[in-house]
Amino acid sequence: MLYQESEMNSELKPEDVLPFIRSEFEDFDSIVDLDDGIYGGLGDFAIYLRNEMNGESLSEEKCQKAFKIMNAMGASKDLEVQNLLVVGILEILTDKDKVVSLVRSGLNGQAAEIFEKVLNGWVDL
């Protein structure tokens, strides 16, 4: 399923998240194990991203696709999609300074705001 930018910005639904990621990452199914559900699968995806970003082995193309996914999830009006982003992806991307810096540089809008809240432990916000 192909997504138009306007669709991605606010209409992404929970059931669209995995097809959207698969449309961007053709090797998604070889990266993740969905036997533990969508959160486990997104966690596997985030671990893959973190490890590749930390080792500087994630291609620029895949890095941009990852940011496209995270920014679209952050822009969704559906709070479950935003929760999938936080719990499934962003929390895992906070434990390496190099990765935090890279993620900060690639996120924008609501996704960037959500990432800062995750980094600050949801306090004083």
C-alpha atoms as a PDB file:
ATOM      1  CA  MET A   1       0.000   0.000   0.000  1.00  0.00           C
ATOM      2  CA  LEU A   2       1.416   3.367  -0.984  1.00  0.00           C
ATOM      3  CA  TYR A   3       0.820   6.409   1.176  1.00  0.00           C
ATOM      4  CA  GLN A   4       0.540   9.994   0.083  1.00  0.00           C
ATOM      5  CA  GLU A   5       2.272  12.572   2.307  1.00  0.00           C
ATOM      6  CA  SER A   6      -1.063  14.128   3.249  1.00  0.00           C
ATOM      7  CA  GLU A   7      -2.427  10.742   4.339  1.00  0.00           C
ATOM      8  CA  MET A   8       0.632  10.022   6.435  1.00  0.00           C
ATOM      9  CA  ASN A   9       0.525  13.305   8.277  1.00  0.00           C
ATOM     10  CA  SER A  10      -2.614  12.694  10.278  1.00  0.00           C
ATOM     11  CA  GLU A  11      -4.605   9.699   9.120  1.00  0.00           C
ATOM     12  CA  LEU A  12      -2.247   6.824   9.951  1.00  0.00           C
ATOM     13  CA  LYS A  13      -4.163   4.205  11.939  1.00  0.00           C
ATOM     14  CA  PRO A  14      -2.745   1.369  14.072  1.00  0.00           C
ATOM     15  CA  GLU A  15      -3.646  -1.233  11.458  1.00  0.00           C
ATOM     16  CA  ASP A  16      -1.728   0.772   8.836  1.00  0.00           C
ATOM     17  CA  VAL A  17       1.565   0.933  10.752  1.00  0.00           C
ATOM     18  CA  LEU A  18       3.028  -2.442   9.756  1.00  0.00           C
ATOM     19  CA  PRO A  19       1.990  -2.204   6.084  1.00  0.00           C
ATOM     20  CA  PHE A  20       3.469   1.302   5.988  1.00  0.00           C
ATOM     21  CA  ILE A  21       6.783   0.130   7.452  1.00  0.00           C
ATOM     22  CA  ARG A  22       6.845  -2.836   5.068  1.00  0.00           C
ATOM     23  CA  SER A  23       6.319  -0.450   2.142  1.00  0.00           C
ATOM     24  CA  GLU A  24       9.450   1.447   3.221  1.00  0.00           C
ATOM     25  CA  PHE A  25      11.577  -1.484   4.485  1.00  0.00           C
ATOM     26  CA  GLU A  26      11.214  -4.438   2.143  1.00  0.00           C
ATOM     27  CA  ASP A  27      13.360  -6.548   4.504  1.00  0.00           C
ATOM     28  CA  PHE A  28      11.184  -5.712   7.533  1.00  0.00           C
ATOM     29  CA  ASP A  29       9.960  -9.296   7.949  1.00  0.00           C
ATOM     30  CA  SER A  30      13.545 -10.560   8.127  1.00  0.00           C
ATOM     31  CA  ILE A  31      14.403  -7.927  10.769  1.00  0.00           C
ATOM     32  CA  VAL A  32      11.496  -8.550  13.141  1.00  0.00           C
ATOM     33  CA  ASP A  33       9.600 -11.374  14.779  1.00  0.00           C
ATOM     34  CA  LEU A  34       5.907 -10.560  14.967  1.00  0.00           C
ATOM     35  CA  ASP A  35       5.080 -13.591  17.129  1.00  0.00           C
ATOM     36  CA  ASP A  36       5.145 -11.240  20.128  1.00  0.00           C
ATOM     37  CA  GLY A  37       2.670  -8.850  18.520  1.00  0.00           C
ATOM     38  CA  ILE A  38       3.019  -5.401  17.046  1.00  0.00           C
ATOM     39  CA  TYR A  39       4.852  -3.909  20.041  1.00  0.00           C
ATOM     40  CA  GLY A  40       7.400  -6.717  20.022  1.00  0.00           C
ATOM     41  CA  GLY A  41       7.827  -6.369  16.275  1.00  0.00           C
ATOM     42  CA  LEU A  42       8.318  -2.629  16.521  1.00  0.00           C
ATOM     43  CA  GLY A  43      10.766  -3.219  19.359  1.00  0.00           C
ATOM     44  CA  ASP A  44      12.790  -5.552  17.127  1.00  0.00           C
ATOM     45  CA  PHE A  45      12.704  -2.901  14.410  1.00  0.00           C
ATOM     46  CA  ALA A  46      13.881  -0.240  16.883  1.00  0.00           C
ATOM     47  CA  ILE A  47      16.716  -2.463  18.120  1.00  0.00           C
ATOM     48  CA  TYR A  48      17.769  -2.961  14.499  1.00  0.00           C
ATOM     49  CA  LEU A  49      17.691   0.818  13.927  1.00  0.00           C
ATOM     50  CA  ARG A  50      19.575   1.553  17.147  1.00  0.00           C
ATOM     51  CA  ASN A  51      22.292  -0.977  16.436  1.00  0.00           C
ATOM     52  CA  GLU A  52      22.700   0.130  12.829  1.00  0.00           C
ATOM     53  CA  MET A  53      22.707   3.834  13.747  1.00  0.00           C
ATOM     54  CA  ASN A  54      25.163   3.287  16.587  1.00  0.00           C
ATOM     55  CA  GLY A  55      27.485   1.310  14.322  1.00  0.00           C
ATOM     56  CA  GLU A  56      27.050   3.878  11.542  1.00  0.00           C
ATOM     57  CA  SER A  57      26.063   1.083   9.178  1.00  0.00           C
ATOM     58  CA  LEU A  58      22.494   2.221   8.412  1.00  0.00           C
ATOM     59  CA  SER A  59      22.447   3.556   4.876  1.00  0.00           C
ATOM     60  CA  GLU A  60      21.341   7.141   4.342  1.00  0.00           C
ATOM     61  CA  GLU A  61      18.357   5.861   2.357  1.00  0.00           C
ATOM     62  CA  LYS A  62      17.188   3.557   5.174  1.00  0.00           C
ATOM     63  CA  CYS A  63      17.847   6.249   7.752  1.00  0.00           C
ATOM     64  CA  GLN A  64      15.612   8.669   5.844  1.00  0.00           C
ATOM     65  CA  LYS A  65      12.930   5.996   5.505  1.00  0.00           C
ATOM     66  CA  ALA A  66      13.076   5.355   9.262  1.00  0.00           C
ATOM     67  CA  PHE A  67      12.597   9.076   9.958  1.00  0.00           C
ATOM     68  CA  LYS A  68       9.741   9.197   7.463  1.00  0.00           C
ATOM     69  CA  ILE A  69       8.038   6.381   9.384  1.00  0.00           C
ATOM     70  CA  MET A  70       8.623   7.905  12.815  1.00  0.00           C
ATOM     71  CA  ASN A  71       7.561  11.397  11.715  1.00  0.00           C
ATOM     72  CA  ALA A  72       4.384  10.011  10.157  1.00  0.00           C
ATOM     73  CA  MET A  73       3.577   8.053  13.310  1.00  0.00           C
ATOM     74  CA  GLY A  74       4.159  11.152  15.433  1.00  0.00           C
ATOM     75  CA  ALA A  75       1.932  13.242  13.189  1.00  0.00           C
ATOM     76  CA  SER A  76      -0.948  10.790  13.394  1.00  0.00           C
ATOM     77  CA  LYS A  77      -4.037  12.033  15.197  1.00  0.00           C
ATOM     78  CA  ASP A  78      -4.548   8.476  16.461  1.00  0.00           C
ATOM     79  CA  LEU A  79      -3.137   8.258  19.989  1.00  0.00           C
ATOM     80  CA  GLU A  80      -2.578   4.502  19.658  1.00  0.00           C
ATOM     81  CA  VAL A  81      -0.237   5.150  16.714  1.00  0.00           C
ATOM     82  CA  GLN A  82       1.647   7.684  18.824  1.00  0.00           C
ATOM     83  CA  ASN A  83       1.814   5.128  21.652  1.00  0.00           C
ATOM     84  CA  LEU A  84       3.187   2.535  19.225  1.00  0.00           C
ATOM     85  CA  LEU A  85       5.863   5.067  18.291  1.00  0.00           C
ATOM     86  CA  VAL A  86       6.799   5.756  21.918  1.00  0.00           C
ATOM     87  CA  VAL A  87       6.725   2.264  23.381  1.00  0.00           C
ATOM     88  CA  GLY A  88       7.630   0.343  20.252  1.00  0.00           C
ATOM     89  CA  ILE A  89      10.391   2.547  18.846  1.00  0.00           C
ATOM     90  CA  LEU A  90      11.436   5.761  20.590  1.00  0.00           C
ATOM     91  CA  GLU A  91      12.099   4.360  24.061  1.00  0.00           C
ATOM     92  CA  ILE A  92      14.665   1.977  22.557  1.00  0.00           C
ATOM     93  CA  LEU A  93      16.428   4.784  20.697  1.00  0.00           C
ATOM     94  CA  THR A  94      17.297   6.661  23.906  1.00  0.00           C
ATOM     95  CA  ASP A  95      20.148   4.602  25.339  1.00  0.00           C
ATOM     96  CA  LYS A  96      23.039   5.594  23.056  1.00  0.00           C
ATOM     97  CA  ASP A  97      24.165   9.232  22.820  1.00  0.00           C
ATOM     98  CA  LYS A  98      25.144   8.854  19.173  1.00  0.00           C
ATOM     99  CA  VAL A  99      21.698   7.477  18.333  1.00  0.00           C
ATOM    100  CA  VAL A 100      19.896  10.184  20.351  1.00  0.00           C
ATOM    101  CA  SER A 101      21.786  12.862  18.432  1.00  0.00           C
ATOM    102  CA  LEU A 102      20.982  11.280  15.085  1.00  0.00           C
ATOM    103  CA  VAL A 103      17.320  10.771  15.966  1.00  0.00           C
ATOM    104  CA  ARG A 104      17.017  14.367  17.147  1.00  0.00           C
ATOM    105  CA  SER A 105      18.390  15.546  13.815  1.00  0.00           C
ATOM    106  CA  GLY A 106      15.913  13.479  11.805  1.00  0.00           C
ATOM    107  CA  LEU A 107      12.652  13.910  13.669  1.00  0.00           C
ATOM    108  CA  ASN A 108      10.395  16.897  13.215  1.00  0.00           C
ATOM    109  CA  GLY A 109       7.037  18.191  14.366  1.00  0.00           C
ATOM    110  CA  GLN A 110       5.090  16.110  16.854  1.00  0.00           C
ATOM    111  CA  ALA A 111       7.532  13.174  16.615  1.00  0.00           C
ATOM    112  CA  ALA A 112      10.383  15.432  17.762  1.00  0.00           C
ATOM    113  CA  GLU A 113       8.273  16.752  20.649  1.00  0.00           C
ATOM    114  CA  ILE A 114       7.327  13.235  21.694  1.00  0.00           C
ATOM    115  CA  PHE A 115      10.987  12.132  21.571  1.00  0.00           C
ATOM    116  CA  GLU A 116      11.992  14.969  23.886  1.00  0.00           C
ATOM    117  CA  LYS A 117       9.262  13.917  26.339  1.00  0.00           C
ATOM    118  CA  VAL A 118      10.582  10.359  26.244  1.00  0.00           C
ATOM    119  CA  LEU A 119      14.124  11.606  26.887  1.00  0.00           C
ATOM    120  CA  ASN A 120      12.930  13.723  29.818  1.00  0.00           C
ATOM    121  CA  GLY A 121      10.998  10.863  31.380  1.00  0.00           C
ATOM    122  CA  TRP A 122       7.664  12.613  30.840  1.00  0.00           C
ATOM    123  CA  VAL A 123       8.375  15.049  33.722  1.00  0.00           C
ATOM    124  CA  ASP A 124       8.002  18.825  33.814  1.00  0.00           C
ATOM    125  CA  LEU A 125       6.036  18.879  30.569  1.00  0.00           C
END
